[in-house]
Amino acid sequence: VMSALAQYVDFGDVREQATTPGTQTNSAASTPL
C-alpha cells in the first residue's frame, strides 16, 4: 500500500508508529473512529 501511494503520500515515521505500542500522533486517535 505504501509503495502504491509513495508518490502521493509521505508516510514519514508510520512504520515506527505502527511498531511502537500505544503510540498516538493525533488527539482524534483517542476517540473511537
PDB file of all heavy atoms in Angstrom:
ATOM      1  N   VAL A   1       0.832  -1.201   0.000  1.00  0.00           N
ATOM      2  CA  VAL A   1       0.000   0.000   0.000  1.00  0.00           C
ATOM      3  C   VAL A   1       0.869   1.255   0.000  1.00  0.00           C
ATOM      4  O   VAL A   1       0.629   2.202  -0.760  1.00  0.00           O
ATOM      5  CB  VAL A   1      -0.948   0.009   1.218  1.00  0.00           C
ATOM      6  CG1 VAL A   1      -1.689   1.348   1.316  1.00  0.00           C
ATOM      7  CG2 VAL A   1      -1.950  -1.132   1.121  1.00  0.00           C
ATOM      8  N   MET A   2       1.896   1.260   0.826  1.00  0.00           N
ATOM      9  CA  MET A   2       2.774   2.428   0.882  1.00  0.00           C
ATOM     10  C   MET A   2       3.540   2.601  -0.423  1.00  0.00           C
ATOM     11  O   MET A   2       3.787   3.727  -0.867  1.00  0.00           O
ATOM     12  CB  MET A   2       3.739   2.303   2.063  1.00  0.00           C
ATOM     13  CG  MET A   2       3.048   2.521   3.413  1.00  0.00           C
ATOM     14  SD  MET A   2       4.191   2.663   4.817  1.00  0.00           S
ATOM     15  CE  MET A   2       4.676   0.938   5.012  1.00  0.00           C
ATOM     16  N   SER A   3       3.915   1.499  -1.072  1.00  0.00           N
ATOM     17  CA  SER A   3       4.599   1.593  -2.360  1.00  0.00           C
ATOM     18  C   SER A   3       3.673   2.170  -3.425  1.00  0.00           C
ATOM     19  O   SER A   3       4.079   3.020  -4.225  1.00  0.00           O
ATOM     20  CB  SER A   3       5.080   0.196  -2.791  1.00  0.00           C
ATOM     21  OG  SER A   3       5.658   0.238  -4.083  1.00  0.00           O
ATOM     22  N   ALA A   4       2.397   1.749  -3.413  1.00  0.00           N
ATOM     23  CA  ALA A   4       1.439   2.250  -4.397  1.00  0.00           C
ATOM     24  C   ALA A   4       1.174   3.743  -4.226  1.00  0.00           C
ATOM     25  O   ALA A   4       0.907   4.456  -5.202  1.00  0.00           O
ATOM     26  CB  ALA A   4       0.131   1.469  -4.288  1.00  0.00           C
ATOM     27  N   LEU A   5       1.246   4.229  -2.984  1.00  0.00           N
ATOM     28  CA  LEU A   5       0.921   5.634  -2.697  1.00  0.00           C
ATOM     29  C   LEU A   5       2.146   6.495  -2.421  1.00  0.00           C
ATOM     30  O   LEU A   5       2.004   7.671  -2.070  1.00  0.00           O
ATOM     31  CB  LEU A   5      -0.025   5.702  -1.489  1.00  0.00           C
ATOM     32  CG  LEU A   5      -1.386   5.028  -1.654  1.00  0.00           C
ATOM     33  CD1 LEU A   5      -2.184   5.128  -0.353  1.00  0.00           C
ATOM     34  CD2 LEU A   5      -2.175   5.654  -2.801  1.00  0.00           C
ATOM     35  N   ALA A   6       3.341   5.936  -2.590  1.00  0.00           N
ATOM     36  CA  ALA A   6       4.567   6.654  -2.226  1.00  0.00           C
ATOM     37  C   ALA A   6       4.713   7.994  -2.945  1.00  0.00           C
ATOM     38  O   ALA A   6       5.243   8.949  -2.376  1.00  0.00           O
ATOM     39  CB  ALA A   6       5.780   5.770  -2.517  1.00  0.00           C
ATOM     40  N   GLN A   7       4.237   8.078  -4.177  1.00  0.00           N
ATOM     41  CA  GLN A   7       4.373   9.315  -4.944  1.00  0.00           C
ATOM     42  C   GLN A   7       3.422  10.406  -4.455  1.00  0.00           C
ATOM     43  O   GLN A   7       3.629  11.584  -4.710  1.00  0.00           O
ATOM     44  CB  GLN A   7       4.106   9.026  -6.429  1.00  0.00           C
ATOM     45  CG  GLN A   7       4.343  10.214  -7.350  1.00  0.00           C
ATOM     46  CD  GLN A   7       4.125   9.861  -8.805  1.00  0.00           C
ATOM     47  OE1 GLN A   7       4.103   8.671  -9.175  1.00  0.00           O
ATOM     48  NE2 GLN A   7       3.960  10.857  -9.654  1.00  0.00           N
ATOM     49  N   TYR A   8       2.402   9.997  -3.700  1.00  0.00           N
ATOM     50  CA  TYR A   8       1.344  10.929  -3.328  1.00  0.00           C
ATOM     51  C   TYR A   8       1.210  11.155  -1.824  1.00  0.00           C
ATOM     52  O   TYR A   8       0.549  12.091  -1.397  1.00  0.00           O
ATOM     53  CB  TYR A   8      -0.001  10.413  -3.869  1.00  0.00           C
ATOM     54  CG  TYR A   8       0.117   9.848  -5.257  1.00  0.00           C
ATOM     55  CD1 TYR A   8       0.164   8.464  -5.468  1.00  0.00           C
ATOM     56  CD2 TYR A   8       0.232  10.683  -6.366  1.00  0.00           C
ATOM     57  CE1 TYR A   8       0.302   7.938  -6.741  1.00  0.00           C
ATOM     58  CE2 TYR A   8       0.380  10.170  -7.638  1.00  0.00           C
ATOM     59  CZ  TYR A   8       0.419   8.786  -7.829  1.00  0.00           C
ATOM     60  OH  TYR A   8       0.568   8.270  -9.098  1.00  0.00           O
ATOM     61  N   VAL A   9       1.849  10.282  -1.039  1.00  0.00           N
ATOM     62  CA  VAL A   9       1.743  10.366   0.420  1.00  0.00           C
ATOM     63  C   VAL A   9       3.112  10.201   1.052  1.00  0.00           C
ATOM     64  O   VAL A   9       3.887   9.319   0.661  1.00  0.00           O
ATOM     65  CB  VAL A   9       0.807   9.257   0.969  1.00  0.00           C
ATOM     66  CG1 VAL A   9       0.746   9.323   2.494  1.00  0.00           C
ATOM     67  CG2 VAL A   9      -0.587   9.383   0.371  1.00  0.00           C
ATOM     68  N   ASP A  10       3.423  11.062   2.005  1.00  0.00           N
ATOM     69  CA  ASP A  10       4.643  10.920   2.807  1.00  0.00           C
ATOM     70  C   ASP A  10       4.257  10.176   4.082  1.00  0.00           C
ATOM     71  O   ASP A  10       3.544  10.701   4.929  1.00  0.00           O
ATOM     72  CB  ASP A  10       5.214  12.305   3.128  1.00  0.00           C
ATOM     73  CG  ASP A  10       6.500  12.221   3.943  1.00  0.00           C
ATOM     74  OD1 ASP A  10       6.922  11.094   4.279  1.00  0.00           O
ATOM     75  OD2 ASP A  10       7.062  13.284   4.261  1.00  0.00           O
ATOM     76  N   PHE A  11       4.722   8.930   4.190  1.00  0.00           N
ATOM     77  CA  PHE A  11       4.358   8.113   5.342  1.00  0.00           C
ATOM     78  C   PHE A  11       5.251   8.379   6.551  1.00  0.00           C
ATOM     79  O   PHE A  11       4.979   7.893   7.645  1.00  0.00           O
ATOM     80  CB  PHE A  11       4.404   6.628   4.963  1.00  0.00           C
ATOM     81  CG  PHE A  11       3.275   6.220   4.056  1.00  0.00           C
ATOM     82  CD1 PHE A  11       3.432   6.236   2.685  1.00  0.00           C
ATOM     83  CD2 PHE A  11       2.048   5.859   4.584  1.00  0.00           C
ATOM     84  CE1 PHE A  11       2.394   5.875   1.838  1.00  0.00           C
ATOM     85  CE2 PHE A  11       0.998   5.496   3.746  1.00  0.00           C
ATOM     86  CZ  PHE A  11       1.169   5.510   2.367  1.00  0.00           C
ATOM     87  N   GLY A  12       6.312   9.169   6.349  1.00  0.00           N
ATOM     88  CA  GLY A  12       7.161   9.584   7.461  1.00  0.00           C
ATOM     89  C   GLY A  12       7.552   8.437   8.352  1.00  0.00           C
ATOM     90  O   GLY A  12       8.125   7.442   7.909  1.00  0.00           O
ATOM     91  N   ASP A  13       7.225   8.553   9.639  1.00  0.00           N
ATOM     92  CA  ASP A  13       7.608   7.515  10.592  1.00  0.00           C
ATOM     93  C   ASP A  13       6.441   6.595  10.923  1.00  0.00           C
ATOM     94  O   ASP A  13       6.310   6.097  12.039  1.00  0.00           O
ATOM     95  CB  ASP A  13       8.144   8.152  11.882  1.00  0.00           C
ATOM     96  CG  ASP A  13       7.119   9.069  12.543  1.00  0.00           C
ATOM     97  OD1 ASP A  13       6.085   9.334  11.901  1.00  0.00           O
ATOM     98  OD2 ASP A  13       7.362   9.498  13.676  1.00  0.00           O
ATOM     99  N   VAL A  14       5.574   6.319   9.913  1.00  0.00           N
ATOM    100  CA  VAL A  14       4.440   5.437  10.148  1.00  0.00           C
ATOM    101  C   VAL A  14       4.907   4.065  10.626  1.00  0.00           C
ATOM    102  O   VAL A  14       4.306   3.456  11.510  1.00  0.00           O
ATOM    103  CB  VAL A  14       3.579   5.292   8.873  1.00  0.00           C
ATOM    104  CG1 VAL A  14       2.630   4.105   8.986  1.00  0.00           C
ATOM    105  CG2 VAL A  14       2.762   6.556   8.648  1.00  0.00           C
ATOM    106  N   ARG A  15       5.990   3.582  10.049  1.00  0.00           N
ATOM    107  CA  ARG A  15       6.492   2.276  10.470  1.00  0.00           C
ATOM    108  C   ARG A  15       6.835   2.282  11.961  1.00  0.00           C
ATOM    109  O   ARG A  15       6.520   1.363  12.700  1.00  0.00           O
ATOM    110  CB  ARG A  15       7.730   1.901   9.648  1.00  0.00           C
ATOM    111  CG  ARG A  15       7.421   1.443   8.223  1.00  0.00           C
ATOM    112  CD  ARG A  15       8.679   0.909   7.551  1.00  0.00           C
ATOM    113  NE  ARG A  15       8.387   0.363   6.229  1.00  0.00           N
ATOM    114  CZ  ARG A  15       8.333   1.083   5.134  1.00  0.00           C
ATOM    115  NH1 ARG A  15       8.536   2.392   5.200  1.00  0.00           N
ATOM    116  NH2 ARG A  15       8.049   0.524   3.967  1.00  0.00           N
ATOM    117  N   GLU A  16       7.450   3.384  12.395  1.00  0.00           N
ATOM    118  CA  GLU A  16       7.805   3.471  13.816  1.00  0.00           C
ATOM    119  C   GLU A  16       6.557   3.584  14.681  1.00  0.00           C
ATOM    120  O   GLU A  16       6.453   2.960  15.725  1.00  0.00           O
ATOM    121  CB  GLU A  16       8.696   4.686  14.051  1.00  0.00           C
ATOM    122  CG  GLU A  16       9.125   4.847  15.502  1.00  0.00           C
ATOM    123  CD  GLU A  16      10.015   6.056  15.701  1.00  0.00           C
ATOM    124  OE1 GLU A  16      10.511   6.593  14.697  1.00  0.00           O
ATOM    125  OE2 GLU A  16      10.189   6.465  16.858  1.00  0.00           O
ATOM    126  N   GLN A  17       5.576   4.364  14.205  1.00  0.00           N
ATOM    127  CA  GLN A  17       4.322   4.491  14.946  1.00  0.00           C
ATOM    128  C   GLN A  17       3.643   3.140  15.093  1.00  0.00           C
ATOM    129  O   GLN A  17       3.139   2.785  16.157  1.00  0.00           O
ATOM    130  CB  GLN A  17       3.373   5.449  14.221  1.00  0.00           C
ATOM    131  CG  GLN A  17       3.871   6.874  14.101  1.00  0.00           C
ATOM    132  CD  GLN A  17       2.908   7.707  13.262  1.00  0.00           C
ATOM    133  OE1 GLN A  17       1.713   7.472  13.260  1.00  0.00           O
ATOM    134  NE2 GLN A  17       3.437   8.671  12.538  1.00  0.00           N
ATOM    135  N   ALA A  18       3.620   2.394  13.979  1.00  0.00           N
ATOM    136  CA  ALA A  18       2.902   1.127  13.972  1.00  0.00           C
ATOM    137  C   ALA A  18       3.558   0.068  14.841  1.00  0.00           C
ATOM    138  O   ALA A  18       2.896  -0.831  15.350  1.00  0.00           O
ATOM    139  CB  ALA A  18       2.792   0.608  12.537  1.00  0.00           C
ATOM    140  N   THR A  19       4.882   0.174  15.038  1.00  0.00           N
ATOM    141  CA  THR A  19       5.584  -0.849  15.807  1.00  0.00           C
ATOM    142  C   THR A  19       5.783  -0.448  17.258  1.00  0.00           C
ATOM    143  O   THR A  19       6.292  -1.233  18.051  1.00  0.00           O
ATOM    144  CB  THR A  19       6.962  -1.130  15.174  1.00  0.00           C
ATOM    145  OG1 THR A  19       7.690   0.099  15.080  1.00  0.00           O
ATOM    146  CG2 THR A  19       6.808  -1.734  13.787  1.00  0.00           C
ATOM    147  N   THR A  20       5.379   0.780  17.607  1.00  0.00           N
ATOM    148  CA  THR A  20       5.515   1.235  18.995  1.00  0.00           C
ATOM    149  C   THR A  20       4.164   1.141  19.681  1.00  0.00           C
ATOM    150  O   THR A  20       3.240   1.886  19.360  1.00  0.00           O
ATOM    151  CB  THR A  20       6.014   2.699  19.059  1.00  0.00           C
ATOM    152  OG1 THR A  20       7.248   2.776  18.361  1.00  0.00           O
ATOM    153  CG2 THR A  20       6.198   3.126  20.506  1.00  0.00           C
ATOM    154  N   PRO A  21       3.979   0.239  20.609  1.00  0.00           N
ATOM    155  CA  PRO A  21       2.675   0.062  21.274  1.00  0.00           C
ATOM    156  C   PRO A  21       2.201   1.350  21.941  1.00  0.00           C
ATOM    157  O   PRO A  21       2.970   2.049  22.599  1.00  0.00           O
ATOM    158  CB  PRO A  21       2.953  -1.026  22.323  1.00  0.00           C
ATOM    159  CG  PRO A  21       4.151  -1.752  21.803  1.00  0.00           C
ATOM    160  CD  PRO A  21       4.992  -0.709  21.114  1.00  0.00           C
ATOM    161  N   GLY A  22       0.924   1.659  21.724  1.00  0.00           N
ATOM    162  CA  GLY A  22       0.307   2.799  22.414  1.00  0.00           C
ATOM    163  C   GLY A  22       0.629   4.142  21.801  1.00  0.00           C
ATOM    164  O   GLY A  22       0.228   5.163  22.321  1.00  0.00           O
ATOM    165  N   THR A  23       1.376   4.170  20.685  1.00  0.00           N
ATOM    166  CA  THR A  23       1.743   5.443  20.080  1.00  0.00           C
ATOM    167  C   THR A  23       0.526   6.104  19.451  1.00  0.00           C
ATOM    168  O   THR A  23      -0.197   5.486  18.687  1.00  0.00           O
ATOM    169  CB  THR A  23       2.815   5.247  18.990  1.00  0.00           C
ATOM    170  OG1 THR A  23       3.969   4.676  19.592  1.00  0.00           O
ATOM    171  CG2 THR A  23       3.194   6.576  18.355  1.00  0.00           C
ATOM    172  N   GLN A  24       0.306   7.362  19.754  1.00  0.00           N
ATOM    173  CA  GLN A  24      -0.760   8.131  19.135  1.00  0.00           C
ATOM    174  C   GLN A  24      -0.146   9.417  18.623  1.00  0.00           C
ATOM    175  O   GLN A  24       0.692  10.028  19.286  1.00  0.00           O
ATOM    176  CB  GLN A  24      -1.878   8.463  20.144  1.00  0.00           C
ATOM    177  CG  GLN A  24      -2.571   7.232  20.715  1.00  0.00           C
ATOM    178  CD  GLN A  24      -3.429   6.521  19.691  1.00  0.00           C
ATOM    179  OE1 GLN A  24      -3.589   6.988  18.578  1.00  0.00           O
ATOM    180  NE2 GLN A  24      -3.960   5.377  20.064  1.00  0.00           N
ATOM    181  N   THR A  25      -0.556   9.851  17.451  1.00  0.00           N
ATOM    182  CA  THR A  25       0.024  11.046  16.858  1.00  0.00           C
ATOM    183  C   THR A  25      -0.984  12.164  16.668  1.00  0.00           C
ATOM    184  O   THR A  25      -0.656  13.211  16.189  1.00  0.00           O
ATOM    185  CB  THR A  25       0.634  10.715  15.485  1.00  0.00           C
ATOM    186  OG1 THR A  25      -0.403  10.193  14.636  1.00  0.00           O
ATOM    187  CG2 THR A  25       1.729   9.678  15.612  1.00  0.00           C
ATOM    188  N   ASN A  26      -2.226  11.914  17.044  1.00  0.00           N
ATOM    189  CA  ASN A  26      -3.255  12.909  16.831  1.00  0.00           C
ATOM    190  C   ASN A  26      -4.286  12.764  17.935  1.00  0.00           C
ATOM    191  O   ASN A  26      -4.658  11.658  18.286  1.00  0.00           O
ATOM    192  CB  ASN A  26      -3.920  12.696  15.453  1.00  0.00           C
ATOM    193  CG  ASN A  26      -4.845  13.840  15.097  1.00  0.00           C
ATOM    194  OD1 ASN A  26      -5.804  14.116  15.794  1.00  0.00           O
ATOM    195  ND2 ASN A  26      -4.536  14.499  13.989  1.00  0.00           N
ATOM    196  N   SER A  27      -4.752  13.878  18.461  1.00  0.00           N
ATOM    197  CA  SER A  27      -5.708  13.803  19.559  1.00  0.00           C
ATOM    198  C   SER A  27      -6.965  13.061  19.150  1.00  0.00           C
ATOM    199  O   SER A  27      -7.648  12.477  19.987  1.00  0.00           O
ATOM    200  CB  SER A  27      -6.090  15.216  20.027  1.00  0.00           C
ATOM    201  OG  SER A  27      -6.641  15.967  18.968  1.00  0.00           O
ATOM    202  N   ALA A  28      -7.305  13.078  17.833  1.00  0.00           N
ATOM    203  CA  ALA A  28      -8.510  12.378  17.384  1.00  0.00           C
ATOM    204  C   ALA A  28      -8.363  10.885  17.524  1.00  0.00           C
ATOM    205  O   ALA A  28      -9.351  10.158  17.539  1.00  0.00           O
ATOM    206  CB  ALA A  28      -8.809  12.728  15.912  1.00  0.00           C
ATOM    207  N   ALA A  29      -7.105  10.387  17.621  1.00  0.00           N
ATOM    208  CA  ALA A  29      -6.905   8.949  17.702  1.00  0.00           C
ATOM    209  C   ALA A  29      -7.428   8.384  19.014  1.00  0.00           C
ATOM    210  O   ALA A  29      -7.653   7.190  19.134  1.00  0.00           O
ATOM    211  CB  ALA A  29      -5.419   8.622  17.556  1.00  0.00           C
ATOM    212  N   SER A  30      -7.598   9.224  20.014  1.00  0.00           N
ATOM    213  CA  SER A  30      -8.097   8.745  21.296  1.00  0.00           C
ATOM    214  C   SER A  30      -9.612   8.604  21.302  1.00  0.00           C
ATOM    215  O   SER A  30     -10.189   8.104  22.245  1.00  0.00           O
ATOM    216  CB  SER A  30      -7.678   9.704  22.421  1.00  0.00           C
ATOM    217  OG  SER A  30      -8.211  10.991  22.196  1.00  0.00           O
ATOM    218  N   THR A  31     -10.260   9.090  20.219  1.00  0.00           N
ATOM    219  CA  THR A  31     -11.703   8.966  20.096  1.00  0.00           C
ATOM    220  C   THR A  31     -12.017   7.811  19.176  1.00  0.00           C
ATOM    221  O   THR A  31     -11.428   7.706  18.118  1.00  0.00           O
ATOM    222  CB  THR A  31     -12.296  10.265  19.485  1.00  0.00           C
ATOM    223  OG1 THR A  31     -11.975  11.345  20.346  1.00  0.00           O
ATOM    224  CG2 THR A  31     -13.806  10.151  19.347  1.00  0.00           C
ATOM    225  N   PRO A  32     -12.926   6.899  19.531  1.00  0.00           N
ATOM    226  CA  PRO A  32     -13.268   5.791  18.651  1.00  0.00           C
ATOM    227  C   PRO A  32     -13.644   6.302  17.271  1.00  0.00           C
ATOM    228  O   PRO A  32     -14.330   7.314  17.136  1.00  0.00           O
ATOM    229  CB  PRO A  32     -14.477   5.144  19.352  1.00  0.00           C
ATOM    230  CG  PRO A  32     -14.306   5.518  20.795  1.00  0.00           C
ATOM    231  CD  PRO A  32     -13.683   6.879  20.784  1.00  0.00           C
ATOM    232  N   LEU A  33     -13.184   5.592  16.233  1.00  0.00           N
ATOM    233  CA  LEU A  33     -13.454   6.019  14.869  1.00  0.00           C
ATOM    234  C   LEU A  33     -14.950   6.106  14.622  1.00  0.00           C
ATOM    235  O   LEU A  33     -15.714   5.245  15.001  1.00  0.00           O
ATOM    236  CB  LEU A  33     -12.828   5.030  13.880  1.00  0.00           C
ATOM    237  CG  LEU A  33     -11.303   4.957  13.933  1.00  0.00           C
ATOM    238  CD1 LEU A  33     -10.814   3.916  12.941  1.00  0.00           C
ATOM    239  CD2 LEU A  33     -10.685   6.303  13.633  1.00  0.00           C
TER     240      LEU A  33
END
